[in-house]
Amino acid sequence: MLTTKERRVFEREKMSDTILFRAISDETPRHFRSGRIKDISPGGIMFETEVKLAKGDVIDVFFKRKLSQTDTVARAEVMRTINMGARQEVGAKFVNAQSPA
């Protein structure tokens, strides 16, 4: 039986909320794009979007936590993407000092 080691340090919280994000780059216009959050932890976030992102892209993310009604702003680095036809699943690691979860 093949087993894989879990690399995640933090437990994930399932969510289904809207996320706004913008790429941080000199070549990309800094306008907001949207997606749907799948889950979040103090270490990162997973969301779906129609926007094509690549591993290594740095993004600013903005969303509201329903339970606490708090606005969250964080910087994240895209660690992986999975193409799902017209949509893309994005896994990103928070890179700012304060964790949003």
N, C-alpha and C. Protein backbone atom coordinates (compact mmCIF):
# COMPACT_ATOMS: atom_id res chain seq x y z
N MET A 1 0.84 -1.17 0.00
CA MET A 1 0.00 0.00 0.00
C MET A 1 0.89 1.24 0.00
N LEU A 2 0.59 2.15 -0.91
CA LEU A 2 1.35 3.39 -1.04
C LEU A 2 0.74 4.45 -0.13
N THR A 3 1.55 5.06 0.70
CA THR A 3 1.06 6.14 1.56
C THR A 3 1.84 7.40 1.24
N THR A 4 1.17 8.52 1.38
CA THR A 4 1.84 9.80 1.16
C THR A 4 1.79 10.59 2.45
N LYS A 5 2.82 11.33 2.70
CA LYS A 5 2.90 12.15 3.90
C LYS A 5 2.14 13.45 3.68
N GLU A 6 1.29 13.79 4.62
CA GLU A 6 0.57 15.05 4.57
C GLU A 6 1.55 16.20 4.80
N ARG A 7 1.61 17.13 3.85
CA ARG A 7 2.55 18.24 3.95
C ARG A 7 1.94 19.46 4.63
N ARG A 8 0.64 19.49 4.74
CA ARG A 8 -0.01 20.67 5.32
C ARG A 8 0.21 20.70 6.83
N VAL A 9 0.52 21.88 7.33
CA VAL A 9 0.76 22.06 8.75
C VAL A 9 -0.54 22.43 9.47
N PHE A 10 -1.43 23.15 8.79
CA PHE A 10 -2.63 23.68 9.41
C PHE A 10 -3.89 22.95 8.93
N GLU A 11 -4.87 22.85 9.81
CA GLU A 11 -6.16 22.27 9.45
C GLU A 11 -6.92 23.26 8.56
N ARG A 12 -7.67 22.73 7.59
CA ARG A 12 -8.40 23.58 6.66
C ARG A 12 -9.84 23.77 7.09
N GLU A 13 -10.37 24.94 6.78
CA GLU A 13 -11.77 25.24 7.01
C GLU A 13 -12.45 25.36 5.65
N LYS A 14 -13.48 24.55 5.42
CA LYS A 14 -14.22 24.62 4.16
C LYS A 14 -14.98 25.94 4.10
N MET A 15 -14.98 26.54 2.92
CA MET A 15 -15.70 27.79 2.69
C MET A 15 -16.28 27.78 1.29
N SER A 16 -17.26 28.61 1.09
CA SER A 16 -17.80 28.80 -0.25
C SER A 16 -18.19 30.27 -0.39
N ASP A 17 -17.18 31.11 -0.34
CA ASP A 17 -17.38 32.54 -0.38
C ASP A 17 -16.64 33.14 -1.58
N THR A 18 -17.03 34.33 -1.94
CA THR A 18 -16.37 35.04 -3.03
C THR A 18 -15.03 35.59 -2.55
N ILE A 19 -14.04 35.52 -3.43
CA ILE A 19 -12.73 36.10 -3.18
C ILE A 19 -12.43 37.08 -4.31
N LEU A 20 -11.87 38.21 -3.96
CA LEU A 20 -11.34 39.14 -4.95
C LEU A 20 -9.83 39.09 -4.85
N PHE A 21 -9.15 39.17 -5.98
CA PHE A 21 -7.69 39.14 -5.95
C PHE A 21 -7.15 39.96 -7.10
N ARG A 22 -5.89 40.36 -6.94
CA ARG A 22 -5.21 41.06 -8.03
C ARG A 22 -3.76 40.60 -8.04
N ALA A 23 -3.24 40.45 -9.24
CA ALA A 23 -1.85 40.04 -9.41
C ALA A 23 -0.93 41.20 -9.09
N ILE A 24 0.21 40.88 -8.52
CA ILE A 24 1.23 41.89 -8.19
C ILE A 24 2.37 41.71 -9.18
N SER A 25 2.36 42.51 -10.22
CA SER A 25 3.42 42.42 -11.23
C SER A 25 3.42 43.69 -12.06
N ASP A 26 4.56 44.02 -12.59
CA ASP A 26 4.66 45.22 -13.43
C ASP A 26 3.98 45.03 -14.77
N GLU A 27 3.86 43.78 -15.21
CA GLU A 27 3.31 43.52 -16.54
C GLU A 27 1.80 43.34 -16.54
N THR A 28 1.20 43.17 -15.36
CA THR A 28 -0.22 42.88 -15.28
C THR A 28 -0.97 44.10 -14.76
N PRO A 29 -2.07 44.48 -15.43
CA PRO A 29 -2.88 45.57 -14.89
C PRO A 29 -3.36 45.18 -13.49
N ARG A 30 -3.40 46.13 -12.59
CA ARG A 30 -3.75 45.84 -11.21
C ARG A 30 -5.25 46.00 -10.96
N HIS A 31 -6.06 45.31 -11.73
CA HIS A 31 -7.49 45.35 -11.47
C HIS A 31 -7.91 44.04 -10.81
N PHE A 32 -9.05 44.10 -10.14
CA PHE A 32 -9.50 42.95 -9.37
C PHE A 32 -10.14 41.89 -10.24
N ARG A 33 -9.90 40.65 -9.88
CA ARG A 33 -10.54 39.48 -10.49
C ARG A 33 -11.29 38.77 -9.36
N SER A 34 -12.14 37.81 -9.71
CA SER A 34 -12.89 37.13 -8.66
C SER A 34 -12.79 35.61 -8.80
N GLY A 35 -13.16 34.95 -7.73
CA GLY A 35 -13.18 33.50 -7.70
C GLY A 35 -14.04 33.05 -6.54
N ARG A 36 -14.02 31.74 -6.29
CA ARG A 36 -14.81 31.13 -5.22
C ARG A 36 -13.88 30.37 -4.30
N ILE A 37 -13.86 30.72 -3.02
CA ILE A 37 -13.01 30.04 -2.05
C ILE A 37 -13.53 28.63 -1.81
N LYS A 38 -12.61 27.65 -1.79
CA LYS A 38 -12.95 26.27 -1.45
C LYS A 38 -12.60 25.95 0.00
N ASP A 39 -11.39 26.36 0.42
CA ASP A 39 -11.01 26.20 1.81
C ASP A 39 -9.88 27.14 2.16
N ILE A 40 -9.66 27.28 3.48
CA ILE A 40 -8.66 28.22 3.98
C ILE A 40 -8.06 27.66 5.27
N SER A 41 -6.83 28.04 5.53
CA SER A 41 -6.17 27.71 6.79
C SER A 41 -5.28 28.91 7.13
N PRO A 42 -4.68 28.92 8.32
CA PRO A 42 -3.75 30.01 8.63
C PRO A 42 -2.57 30.07 7.66
N GLY A 43 -2.28 28.98 6.96
CA GLY A 43 -1.14 28.95 6.06
C GLY A 43 -1.43 29.27 4.61
N GLY A 44 -2.70 29.16 4.19
CA GLY A 44 -2.99 29.41 2.79
C GLY A 44 -4.45 29.28 2.44
N ILE A 45 -4.72 29.34 1.14
CA ILE A 45 -6.10 29.35 0.65
C ILE A 45 -6.18 28.58 -0.67
N MET A 46 -7.32 27.93 -0.90
CA MET A 46 -7.58 27.28 -2.17
C MET A 46 -8.86 27.89 -2.73
N PHE A 47 -8.81 28.27 -4.02
CA PHE A 47 -9.99 28.85 -4.64
C PHE A 47 -10.04 28.48 -6.11
N GLU A 48 -11.23 28.64 -6.70
CA GLU A 48 -11.42 28.42 -8.13
C GLU A 48 -11.66 29.76 -8.80
N THR A 49 -11.17 29.89 -10.03
CA THR A 49 -11.33 31.12 -10.78
C THR A 49 -11.23 30.83 -12.27
N GLU A 50 -11.73 31.73 -13.08
CA GLU A 50 -11.57 31.62 -14.53
C GLU A 50 -10.27 32.26 -14.99
N VAL A 51 -9.60 32.96 -14.10
CA VAL A 51 -8.34 33.64 -14.41
C VAL A 51 -7.19 32.63 -14.37
N LYS A 52 -6.35 32.68 -15.37
CA LYS A 52 -5.20 31.78 -15.42
C LYS A 52 -4.05 32.38 -14.61
N LEU A 53 -3.67 31.69 -13.56
CA LEU A 53 -2.53 32.07 -12.74
C LEU A 53 -1.47 31.00 -12.88
N ALA A 54 -0.23 31.33 -12.53
CA ALA A 54 0.87 30.37 -12.65
C ALA A 54 1.59 30.24 -11.31
N LYS A 55 2.21 29.11 -11.10
CA LYS A 55 3.00 28.88 -9.90
C LYS A 55 4.03 30.01 -9.78
N GLY A 56 4.14 30.57 -8.58
CA GLY A 56 5.07 31.66 -8.35
C GLY A 56 4.45 33.05 -8.43
N ASP A 57 3.25 33.16 -9.04
CA ASP A 57 2.57 34.46 -9.08
C ASP A 57 2.28 34.91 -7.65
N VAL A 58 2.41 36.21 -7.40
CA VAL A 58 2.07 36.79 -6.11
C VAL A 58 0.79 37.57 -6.30
N ILE A 59 -0.16 37.35 -5.38
CA ILE A 59 -1.47 37.99 -5.48
C ILE A 59 -1.85 38.60 -4.14
N ASP A 60 -2.62 39.67 -4.18
CA ASP A 60 -3.28 40.19 -2.99
C ASP A 60 -4.69 39.66 -3.02
N VAL A 61 -5.16 39.11 -1.88
CA VAL A 61 -6.50 38.54 -1.80
C VAL A 61 -7.34 39.34 -0.81
N PHE A 62 -8.63 39.44 -1.12
CA PHE A 62 -9.59 40.19 -0.30
C PHE A 62 -10.86 39.36 -0.19
N PHE A 63 -11.33 39.14 1.04
CA PHE A 63 -12.59 38.43 1.24
C PHE A 63 -13.13 38.73 2.62
N LYS A 64 -14.41 38.42 2.83
CA LYS A 64 -15.07 38.65 4.11
C LYS A 64 -15.40 37.30 4.72
N ARG A 65 -15.03 37.12 5.99
CA ARG A 65 -15.37 35.91 6.74
C ARG A 65 -16.82 36.04 7.20
N LYS A 66 -17.69 35.10 6.80
CA LYS A 66 -19.11 35.19 7.14
C LYS A 66 -19.36 35.11 8.64
N LEU A 67 -18.69 34.18 9.32
CA LEU A 67 -18.96 34.00 10.74
C LEU A 67 -18.57 35.22 11.57
N SER A 68 -17.43 35.79 11.29
CA SER A 68 -16.96 36.92 12.09
C SER A 68 -17.26 38.27 11.44
N GLN A 69 -17.71 38.25 10.19
CA GLN A 69 -17.99 39.48 9.45
C GLN A 69 -16.77 40.39 9.37
N THR A 70 -15.59 39.80 9.32
CA THR A 70 -14.37 40.61 9.23
C THR A 70 -13.83 40.57 7.81
N ASP A 71 -13.32 41.69 7.38
CA ASP A 71 -12.66 41.77 6.08
C ASP A 71 -11.25 41.23 6.24
N THR A 72 -10.81 40.47 5.27
CA THR A 72 -9.46 39.91 5.30
C THR A 72 -8.71 40.37 4.06
N VAL A 73 -7.51 40.86 4.27
CA VAL A 73 -6.61 41.26 3.19
C VAL A 73 -5.30 40.54 3.45
N ALA A 74 -4.78 39.86 2.43
CA ALA A 74 -3.53 39.12 2.61
C ALA A 74 -2.78 39.05 1.29
N ARG A 75 -1.50 38.82 1.37
CA ARG A 75 -0.67 38.57 0.20
C ARG A 75 -0.37 37.08 0.18
N ALA A 76 -0.40 36.50 -1.01
CA ALA A 76 -0.18 35.05 -1.14
C ALA A 76 0.63 34.75 -2.39
N GLU A 77 1.32 33.63 -2.35
CA GLU A 77 2.07 33.15 -3.50
C GLU A 77 1.41 31.89 -4.02
N VAL A 78 1.15 31.84 -5.32
CA VAL A 78 0.54 30.66 -5.93
C VAL A 78 1.54 29.51 -5.89
N MET A 79 1.12 28.41 -5.25
CA MET A 79 1.98 27.24 -5.10
C MET A 79 1.65 26.14 -6.11
N ARG A 80 0.36 26.09 -6.52
CA ARG A 80 -0.04 25.09 -7.50
C ARG A 80 -1.34 25.50 -8.17
N THR A 81 -1.51 25.00 -9.38
CA THR A 81 -2.76 25.22 -10.11
C THR A 81 -3.18 23.92 -10.77
N ILE A 82 -4.47 23.73 -10.91
CA ILE A 82 -5.02 22.58 -11.61
C ILE A 82 -6.04 23.11 -12.61
N ASN A 83 -5.84 22.84 -13.88
CA ASN A 83 -6.79 23.26 -14.91
C ASN A 83 -8.01 22.37 -14.86
N MET A 84 -9.19 23.01 -14.87
CA MET A 84 -10.47 22.30 -14.82
C MET A 84 -11.35 22.81 -15.96
N GLY A 85 -10.85 22.71 -17.16
CA GLY A 85 -11.60 23.24 -18.30
C GLY A 85 -11.49 24.75 -18.33
N ALA A 86 -12.64 25.43 -18.23
CA ALA A 86 -12.65 26.89 -18.28
C ALA A 86 -12.22 27.51 -16.95
N ARG A 87 -12.17 26.70 -15.92
CA ARG A 87 -11.80 27.20 -14.59
C ARG A 87 -10.46 26.62 -14.15
N GLN A 88 -9.89 27.22 -13.14
CA GLN A 88 -8.61 26.76 -12.61
C GLN A 88 -8.71 26.73 -11.08
N GLU A 89 -8.23 25.65 -10.48
CA GLU A 89 -8.14 25.57 -9.03
C GLU A 89 -6.76 26.07 -8.63
N VAL A 90 -6.72 26.99 -7.66
CA VAL A 90 -5.47 27.63 -7.26
C VAL A 90 -5.22 27.37 -5.78
N GLY A 91 -4.03 26.90 -5.46
CA GLY A 91 -3.60 26.75 -4.08
C GLY A 91 -2.51 27.78 -3.82
N ALA A 92 -2.71 28.64 -2.82
CA ALA A 92 -1.76 29.72 -2.57
C ALA A 92 -1.38 29.76 -1.09
N LYS A 93 -0.13 30.09 -0.83
CA LYS A 93 0.42 30.18 0.53
C LYS A 93 0.49 31.64 0.93
N PHE A 94 -0.01 31.95 2.13
CA PHE A 94 0.08 33.32 2.62
C PHE A 94 1.54 33.67 2.89
N VAL A 95 1.94 34.87 2.47
CA VAL A 95 3.33 35.27 2.62
C VAL A 95 3.49 36.52 3.49
N ASN A 96 2.39 37.06 3.99
CA ASN A 96 2.52 38.21 4.89
C ASN A 96 2.65 37.72 6.33
N ALA A 97 3.02 38.60 7.21
CA ALA A 97 3.32 38.22 8.59
C ALA A 97 2.09 37.79 9.37
N GLN A 98 0.93 38.37 9.09
CA GLN A 98 -0.27 38.05 9.84
C GLN A 98 -1.09 37.02 9.08
N SER A 99 -1.54 35.95 9.75
CA SER A 99 -2.36 34.94 9.09
C SER A 99 -3.82 35.36 9.17
N PRO A 100 -4.60 35.17 8.07
CA PRO A 100 -5.97 35.65 8.03
C PRO A 100 -6.97 34.68 8.61
N ALA A 101 -6.59 33.44 8.89
CA ALA A 101 -7.60 32.47 9.36
C ALA A 101 -7.68 32.44 10.87
